[in-house]
């Protein structure tokens, strides 16, 4: 990202958010730097921009939301990115998490089911100077097999179950982070592929996300 193109608006609020994440236990300096580098207020509608750096989810239109920063921080920590990974993001949404991932990995492939959101996110990310992001509008519930395998797959919507096609698209040693469940209750699940190609699954937290749509989602 071209840091010179990021204005200084909301700088104090952004730093306050970062201190809040740090005090909540986030110690990864690379993740904290990503939150500092990516201006969240540029990824939300003007009507809610004044709340950009609160630790809350915000509406972005089309029935979708941008997750609260602490949820993004948890996903990034679970992804354990070292800088050279190929990442698949399911649910581009506003593009904010896409930008955070691009700060922390080699390349991000991101799929958004709502064409209007995909177009807006692409404009924002290009304006910020990102060159390591590839976006597509369409059904991402089954992944993006043409570019597999991925070191990390992050899903920003809740599926009825862990989709087998996503597990199949993990590289050896890869990680899939996905919320599973419905409006009655969701759990954040991490699936890890060991070097021998054996998957293991663990529940890491409670979750509350919009439902995943598409063939592997809720329809």
C-alpha atoms as a PDB file:
ATOM      1  CA  UNK A   1       0.000   0.000   0.000  1.00  0.00           C
ATOM      2  CA  UNK A   2       1.141   3.519  -0.785  1.00  0.00           C
ATOM      3  CA  UNK A   3       1.232   4.950   2.734  1.00  0.00           C
ATOM      4  CA  UNK A   4       1.684   8.419   1.330  1.00  0.00           C
ATOM      5  CA  UNK A   5      -1.832   8.320  -0.058  1.00  0.00           C
ATOM      6  CA  UNK A   6      -3.433   7.646   3.341  1.00  0.00           C
ATOM      7  CA  UNK A   7      -4.588  10.904   4.920  1.00  0.00           C
ATOM      8  CA  UNK A   8      -4.210  11.700   8.609  1.00  0.00           C
ATOM      9  CA  UNK A   9      -7.950  11.892   9.336  1.00  0.00           C
ATOM     10  CA  UNK A  10      -9.022  10.135  12.495  1.00  0.00           C
ATOM     11  CA  UNK A  11      -5.376   9.485  13.389  1.00  0.00           C
ATOM     12  CA  UNK A  12      -5.975   9.933  17.128  1.00  0.00           C
ATOM     13  CA  UNK A  13      -9.021   7.647  17.019  1.00  0.00           C
ATOM     14  CA  UNK A  14      -7.029   5.024  15.097  1.00  0.00           C
ATOM     15  CA  UNK A  15      -4.252   5.055  17.676  1.00  0.00           C
ATOM     16  CA  UNK A  16      -6.843   4.749  20.444  1.00  0.00           C
ATOM     17  CA  UNK A  17      -8.241   1.652  18.729  1.00  0.00           C
ATOM     18  CA  UNK A  18      -4.765   0.153  18.467  1.00  0.00           C
ATOM     19  CA  UNK A  19      -4.114   0.752  22.156  1.00  0.00           C
ATOM     20  CA  UNK A  20      -7.432  -0.908  22.925  1.00  0.00           C
ATOM     21  CA  UNK A  21      -6.462  -3.959  20.875  1.00  0.00           C
ATOM     22  CA  UNK A  22      -3.100  -4.078  22.603  1.00  0.00           C
ATOM     23  CA  UNK A  23      -4.656  -3.868  26.069  1.00  0.00           C
ATOM     24  CA  UNK A  24      -7.067  -6.679  25.157  1.00  0.00           C
ATOM     25  CA  UNK A  25      -4.100  -8.991  24.606  1.00  0.00           C
ATOM     26  CA  UNK A  26      -3.090  -8.510  20.967  1.00  0.00           C
ATOM     27  CA  UNK A  27       0.717  -8.488  21.040  1.00  0.00           C
ATOM     28  CA  UNK A  28       1.605  -9.250  17.407  1.00  0.00           C
ATOM     29  CA  UNK A  29       3.386  -6.113  16.216  1.00  0.00           C
ATOM     30  CA  UNK A  30       2.795  -6.894  12.537  1.00  0.00           C
ATOM     31  CA  UNK A  31      -0.973  -7.063  13.083  1.00  0.00           C
ATOM     32  CA  UNK A  32      -0.957  -3.880  15.143  1.00  0.00           C
ATOM     33  CA  UNK A  33       1.016  -2.151  12.381  1.00  0.00           C
ATOM     34  CA  UNK A  34      -1.549  -3.313   9.810  1.00  0.00           C
ATOM     35  CA  UNK A  35      -4.345  -1.727  11.846  1.00  0.00           C
ATOM     36  CA  UNK A  36      -2.281   1.451  12.019  1.00  0.00           C
ATOM     37  CA  UNK A  37      -1.588   1.469   8.272  1.00  0.00           C
ATOM     38  CA  UNK A  38      -5.116   0.773   7.001  1.00  0.00           C
ATOM     39  CA  UNK A  39      -7.621   3.647   7.448  1.00  0.00           C
ATOM     40  CA  UNK A  40     -10.881   1.985   8.513  1.00  0.00           C
ATOM     41  CA  UNK A  41     -12.886   5.176   7.955  1.00  0.00           C
ATOM     42  CA  UNK A  42     -12.296   4.811   4.210  1.00  0.00           C
ATOM     43  CA  UNK A  43     -14.117   1.455   4.179  1.00  0.00           C
ATOM     44  CA  UNK A  44     -17.450   2.500   5.701  1.00  0.00           C
ATOM     45  CA  UNK A  45     -20.298   4.738   4.482  1.00  0.00           C
ATOM     46  CA  UNK A  46     -19.941   8.432   5.309  1.00  0.00           C
ATOM     47  CA  UNK A  47     -22.963   8.258   7.621  1.00  0.00           C
ATOM     48  CA  UNK A  48     -21.117   6.009  10.076  1.00  0.00           C
ATOM     49  CA  UNK A  49     -17.539   7.187   9.455  1.00  0.00           C
ATOM     50  CA  UNK A  50     -17.490   8.934  12.842  1.00  0.00           C
ATOM     51  CA  UNK A  51     -17.707   5.485  14.456  1.00  0.00           C
ATOM     52  CA  UNK A  52     -14.955   3.952  12.311  1.00  0.00           C
ATOM     53  CA  UNK A  53     -12.514   3.344  15.157  1.00  0.00           C
ATOM     54  CA  UNK A  54     -14.956   2.081  17.743  1.00  0.00           C
ATOM     55  CA  UNK A  55     -14.779  -1.651  18.393  1.00  0.00           C
ATOM     56  CA  UNK A  56     -18.163  -2.282  16.791  1.00  0.00           C
ATOM     57  CA  UNK A  57     -19.560  -3.814  13.621  1.00  0.00           C
ATOM     58  CA  UNK A  58     -20.986  -1.253  11.185  1.00  0.00           C
ATOM     59  CA  UNK A  59     -23.447  -1.549   8.277  1.00  0.00           C
ATOM     60  CA  UNK A  60     -22.013  -1.266   4.768  1.00  0.00           C
ATOM     61  CA  UNK A  61     -25.215  -1.789   2.790  1.00  0.00           C
ATOM     62  CA  UNK A  62     -26.863  -4.750   1.044  1.00  0.00           C
ATOM     63  CA  UNK A  63     -27.532  -6.368   4.414  1.00  0.00           C
ATOM     64  CA  UNK A  64     -23.801  -6.732   5.125  1.00  0.00           C
ATOM     65  CA  UNK A  65     -21.550  -5.378   7.865  1.00  0.00           C
ATOM     66  CA  UNK A  66     -17.906  -4.664   8.504  1.00  0.00           C
ATOM     67  CA  UNK A  67     -16.896  -6.772  11.510  1.00  0.00           C
ATOM     68  CA  UNK A  68     -15.676  -5.147  14.695  1.00  0.00           C
ATOM     69  CA  UNK A  69     -11.887  -4.675  14.764  1.00  0.00           C
ATOM     70  CA  UNK A  70     -11.425  -7.172  17.587  1.00  0.00           C
ATOM     71  CA  UNK A  71     -12.986  -9.888  15.410  1.00  0.00           C
ATOM     72  CA  UNK A  72     -10.589  -9.033  12.588  1.00  0.00           C
ATOM     73  CA  UNK A  73      -7.694  -9.112  15.051  1.00  0.00           C
ATOM     74  CA  UNK A  74      -8.684 -12.596  16.232  1.00  0.00           C
ATOM     75  CA  UNK A  75      -8.924 -13.884  12.651  1.00  0.00           C
ATOM     76  CA  UNK A  76      -5.525 -12.456  11.785  1.00  0.00           C
ATOM     77  CA  UNK A  77      -3.934 -13.927  14.901  1.00  0.00           C
ATOM     78  CA  UNK A  78      -5.406 -17.355  14.107  1.00  0.00           C
ATOM     79  CA  UNK A  79      -4.159 -17.090  10.529  1.00  0.00           C
ATOM     80  CA  UNK A  80      -0.582 -16.739  11.845  1.00  0.00           C
ATOM     81  CA  UNK A  81       0.656 -14.918   8.758  1.00  0.00           C
ATOM     82  CA  UNK A  82       4.375 -14.600   8.208  1.00  0.00           C
ATOM     83  CA  UNK A  83       4.374 -12.430   5.081  1.00  0.00           C
ATOM     84  CA  UNK A  84       4.831 -14.926   2.255  1.00  0.00           C
ATOM     85  CA  UNK A  85       1.453 -16.672   2.253  1.00  0.00           C
ATOM     86  CA  UNK A  86      -1.160 -16.952  -0.480  1.00  0.00           C
ATOM     87  CA  UNK A  87      -4.510 -16.137   1.129  1.00  0.00           C
ATOM     88  CA  UNK A  88      -8.113 -16.717   0.079  1.00  0.00           C
ATOM     89  CA  UNK A  89     -10.728 -14.459   1.639  1.00  0.00           C
ATOM     90  CA  UNK A  90     -14.388 -15.393   1.263  1.00  0.00           C
ATOM     91  CA  UNK A  91     -16.516 -12.299   1.682  1.00  0.00           C
ATOM     92  CA  UNK A  92     -14.664  -9.173   0.597  1.00  0.00           C
ATOM     93  CA  UNK A  93     -17.377  -6.944   2.036  1.00  0.00           C
ATOM     94  CA  UNK A  94     -16.024  -3.433   2.460  1.00  0.00           C
ATOM     95  CA  UNK A  95     -12.487  -4.538   1.612  1.00  0.00           C
ATOM     96  CA  UNK A  96     -11.112  -3.610   5.040  1.00  0.00           C
ATOM     97  CA  UNK A  97     -10.033  -7.098   6.092  1.00  0.00           C
ATOM     98  CA  UNK A  98      -8.729  -7.607   2.549  1.00  0.00           C
ATOM     99  CA  UNK A  99      -6.433  -4.626   3.065  1.00  0.00           C
ATOM    100  CA  UNK A 100      -5.280  -5.917   6.454  1.00  0.00           C
ATOM    101  CA  UNK A 101      -4.494  -9.309   4.915  1.00  0.00           C
ATOM    102  CA  UNK A 102      -2.613  -7.670   2.044  1.00  0.00           C
ATOM    103  CA  UNK A 103      -0.423  -5.886   4.593  1.00  0.00           C
ATOM    104  CA  UNK A 104       0.470  -9.224   6.181  1.00  0.00           C
ATOM    105  CA  UNK A 105       0.785 -11.669   3.270  1.00  0.00           C
ATOM    106  CA  UNK A 106       2.179 -12.039  -0.241  1.00  0.00           C
ATOM    107  CA  UNK A 107      -1.094 -12.118  -2.176  1.00  0.00           C
ATOM    108  CA  UNK A 108      -4.798 -12.076  -1.351  1.00  0.00           C
ATOM    109  CA  UNK A 109      -7.511 -13.593  -3.527  1.00  0.00           C
ATOM    110  CA  UNK A 110     -10.917 -12.362  -2.397  1.00  0.00           C
ATOM    111  CA  UNK A 111     -14.450 -13.283  -3.499  1.00  0.00           C
ATOM    112  CA  UNK A 112     -17.581 -11.230  -2.822  1.00  0.00           C
ATOM    113  CA  UNK A 113     -21.104 -12.436  -3.579  1.00  0.00           C
ATOM    114  CA  UNK A 114     -22.604  -8.926  -3.857  1.00  0.00           C
ATOM    115  CA  UNK A 115     -21.338  -7.370  -7.124  1.00  0.00           C
ATOM    116  CA  UNK A 116     -21.926  -3.798  -5.919  1.00  0.00           C
ATOM    117  CA  UNK A 117     -19.795  -4.343  -2.801  1.00  0.00           C
ATOM    118  CA  UNK A 118     -17.065  -6.027  -4.858  1.00  0.00           C
ATOM    119  CA  UNK A 119     -16.902  -3.037  -7.208  1.00  0.00           C
ATOM    120  CA  UNK A 120     -16.725  -0.500  -4.370  1.00  0.00           C
ATOM    121  CA  UNK A 121     -14.070  -2.507  -2.527  1.00  0.00           C
ATOM    122  CA  UNK A 122     -11.951  -2.794  -5.656  1.00  0.00           C
ATOM    123  CA  UNK A 123     -12.074   0.973  -6.164  1.00  0.00           C
ATOM    124  CA  UNK A 124     -11.057   1.626  -2.556  1.00  0.00           C
ATOM    125  CA  UNK A 125      -8.183  -0.831  -2.598  1.00  0.00           C
ATOM    126  CA  UNK A 126      -6.831   0.483  -5.886  1.00  0.00           C
ATOM    127  CA  UNK A 127      -7.055   4.056  -4.580  1.00  0.00           C
ATOM    128  CA  UNK A 128      -4.932   3.017  -1.603  1.00  0.00           C
ATOM    129  CA  UNK A 129      -2.290   1.587  -3.906  1.00  0.00           C
ATOM    130  CA  UNK A 130      -2.567  -2.137  -3.183  1.00  0.00           C
ATOM    131  CA  UNK A 131      -1.041  -4.308  -5.908  1.00  0.00           C
ATOM    132  CA  UNK A 132      -1.171  -7.751  -4.250  1.00  0.00           C
ATOM    133  CA  UNK A 133      -4.951  -8.265  -4.283  1.00  0.00           C
ATOM    134  CA  UNK A 134      -7.100 -10.087  -6.854  1.00  0.00           C
ATOM    135  CA  UNK A 135     -10.875  -9.684  -6.518  1.00  0.00           C
ATOM    136  CA  UNK A 136     -13.802 -11.543  -8.031  1.00  0.00           C
ATOM    137  CA  UNK A 137     -17.574 -11.163  -7.703  1.00  0.00           C
ATOM    138  CA  UNK A 138     -19.449 -14.454  -7.382  1.00  0.00           C
ATOM    139  CA  UNK A 139     -20.130 -17.452  -5.173  1.00  0.00           C
ATOM    140  CA  UNK A 140     -17.126 -17.934  -2.921  1.00  0.00           C
ATOM    141  CA  UNK A 141     -18.642 -20.592  -0.672  1.00  0.00           C
ATOM    142  CA  UNK A 142     -16.753 -23.279  -2.589  1.00  0.00           C
ATOM    143  CA  UNK A 143     -13.531 -21.303  -2.674  1.00  0.00           C
ATOM    144  CA  UNK A 144     -11.560 -20.311  -5.768  1.00  0.00           C
ATOM    145  CA  UNK A 145     -10.073 -23.598  -6.990  1.00  0.00           C
ATOM    146  CA  UNK A 146      -8.284 -22.091 -10.008  1.00  0.00           C
ATOM    147  CA  UNK A 147      -5.751 -20.441  -7.687  1.00  0.00           C
ATOM    148  CA  UNK A 148      -5.508 -23.180  -5.050  1.00  0.00           C
ATOM    149  CA  UNK A 149      -3.806 -24.314  -2.929  1.00  0.00           C
ATOM    150  CA  UNK A 150      -3.878 -21.578  -0.273  1.00  0.00           C
ATOM    151  CA  UNK A 151      -1.824 -21.232   2.862  1.00  0.00           C
ATOM    152  CA  UNK A 152      -4.703 -19.491   4.632  1.00  0.00           C
ATOM    153  CA  UNK A 153      -8.449 -19.303   3.933  1.00  0.00           C
ATOM    154  CA  UNK A 154     -10.598 -16.860   5.911  1.00  0.00           C
ATOM    155  CA  UNK A 155     -14.370 -16.879   5.611  1.00  0.00           C
ATOM    156  CA  UNK A 156     -16.310 -13.822   6.765  1.00  0.00           C
ATOM    157  CA  UNK A 157     -19.755 -15.459   6.904  1.00  0.00           C
ATOM    158  CA  UNK A 158     -21.235 -18.372   8.839  1.00  0.00           C
ATOM    159  CA  UNK A 159     -21.626 -21.705   7.038  1.00  0.00           C
ATOM    160  CA  UNK A 160     -23.920 -24.576   8.049  1.00  0.00           C
ATOM    161  CA  UNK A 161     -20.832 -26.797   8.203  1.00  0.00           C
ATOM    162  CA  UNK A 162     -17.151 -26.619   7.250  1.00  0.00           C
ATOM    163  CA  UNK A 163     -17.314 -26.751   3.420  1.00  0.00           C
ATOM    164  CA  UNK A 164     -15.252 -29.708   2.132  1.00  0.00           C
ATOM    165  CA  UNK A 165     -14.115 -27.773  -0.999  1.00  0.00           C
ATOM    166  CA  UNK A 166     -12.401 -25.221   1.235  1.00  0.00           C
ATOM    167  CA  UNK A 167     -10.527 -27.903   3.138  1.00  0.00           C
ATOM    168  CA  UNK A 168      -9.499 -29.458  -0.191  1.00  0.00           C
ATOM    169  CA  UNK A 169      -7.985 -26.124  -1.283  1.00  0.00           C
ATOM    170  CA  UNK A 170      -5.637 -25.823   1.696  1.00  0.00           C
ATOM    171  CA  UNK A 171      -1.918 -26.289   1.142  1.00  0.00           C
ATOM    172  CA  UNK A 172       0.049 -28.586   3.477  1.00  0.00           C
ATOM    173  CA  UNK A 173       0.338 -26.712   6.764  1.00  0.00           C
ATOM    174  CA  UNK A 174      -2.577 -24.465   5.746  1.00  0.00           C
ATOM    175  CA  UNK A 175      -5.222 -22.913   7.998  1.00  0.00           C
ATOM    176  CA  UNK A 176      -8.945 -22.367   7.429  1.00  0.00           C
ATOM    177  CA  UNK A 177     -10.804 -20.017   9.785  1.00  0.00           C
ATOM    178  CA  UNK A 178     -14.585 -20.052   9.416  1.00  0.00           C
ATOM    179  CA  UNK A 179     -17.673 -19.386  11.565  1.00  0.00           C
ATOM    180  CA  UNK A 180     -20.107 -22.303  11.598  1.00  0.00           C
ATOM    181  CA  UNK A 181     -23.738 -22.128  12.697  1.00  0.00           C
ATOM    182  CA  UNK A 182     -26.939 -20.136  12.270  1.00  0.00           C
ATOM    183  CA  UNK A 183     -28.880 -17.391  14.030  1.00  0.00           C
ATOM    184  CA  UNK A 184     -29.344 -19.666  17.037  1.00  0.00           C
ATOM    185  CA  UNK A 185     -25.592 -19.882  17.634  1.00  0.00           C
ATOM    186  CA  UNK A 186     -22.244 -19.907  15.871  1.00  0.00           C
ATOM    187  CA  UNK A 187     -18.729 -21.090  16.638  1.00  0.00           C
ATOM    188  CA  UNK A 188     -15.466 -19.918  15.117  1.00  0.00           C
ATOM    189  CA  UNK A 189     -13.658 -22.988  13.805  1.00  0.00           C
ATOM    190  CA  UNK A 190     -10.039 -23.371  12.736  1.00  0.00           C
ATOM    191  CA  UNK A 191      -9.125 -26.270  10.469  1.00  0.00           C
ATOM    192  CA  UNK A 192      -5.397 -26.985  10.202  1.00  0.00           C
ATOM    193  CA  UNK A 193      -3.748 -29.165   7.569  1.00  0.00           C
ATOM    194  CA  UNK A 194      -0.586 -30.809   8.829  1.00  0.00           C
ATOM    195  CA  UNK A 195       2.396 -31.469   6.569  1.00  0.00           C
ATOM    196  CA  UNK A 196       1.136 -35.006   5.883  1.00  0.00           C
ATOM    197  CA  UNK A 197      -2.194 -33.699   4.588  1.00  0.00           C
ATOM    198  CA  UNK A 198      -4.282 -34.598   7.634  1.00  0.00           C
ATOM    199  CA  UNK A 199      -6.892 -32.019   8.747  1.00  0.00           C
ATOM    200  CA  UNK A 200      -7.671 -31.287  12.388  1.00  0.00           C
ATOM    201  CA  UNK A 201     -10.538 -29.113  13.593  1.00  0.00           C
ATOM    202  CA  UNK A 202     -10.883 -26.981  16.730  1.00  0.00           C
ATOM    203  CA  UNK A 203     -13.439 -24.530  18.078  1.00  0.00           C
ATOM    204  CA  UNK A 204     -11.661 -21.351  19.114  1.00  0.00           C
ATOM    205  CA  UNK A 205     -14.436 -18.912  20.047  1.00  0.00           C
ATOM    206  CA  UNK A 206     -18.084 -18.004  19.872  1.00  0.00           C
ATOM    207  CA  UNK A 207     -19.053 -16.015  16.781  1.00  0.00           C
ATOM    208  CA  UNK A 208     -21.809 -13.970  15.210  1.00  0.00           C
ATOM    209  CA  UNK A 209     -21.631 -13.382  11.467  1.00  0.00           C
ATOM    210  CA  UNK A 210     -24.018 -12.926   8.564  1.00  0.00           C
ATOM    211  CA  UNK A 211     -24.937 -16.227   6.866  1.00  0.00           C
ATOM    212  CA  UNK A 212     -22.766 -17.590   4.074  1.00  0.00           C
ATOM    213  CA  UNK A 213     -24.688 -17.722   0.808  1.00  0.00           C
ATOM    214  CA  UNK A 214     -24.010 -19.954  -2.168  1.00  0.00           C
ATOM    215  CA  UNK A 215     -23.724 -23.644  -2.932  1.00  0.00           C
ATOM    216  CA  UNK A 216     -21.811 -24.479   0.260  1.00  0.00           C
ATOM    217  CA  UNK A 217     -23.714 -21.952   2.381  1.00  0.00           C
ATOM    218  CA  UNK A 218     -27.327 -21.368   3.307  1.00  0.00           C
ATOM    219  CA  UNK A 219     -28.476 -20.998  -0.293  1.00  0.00           C
END
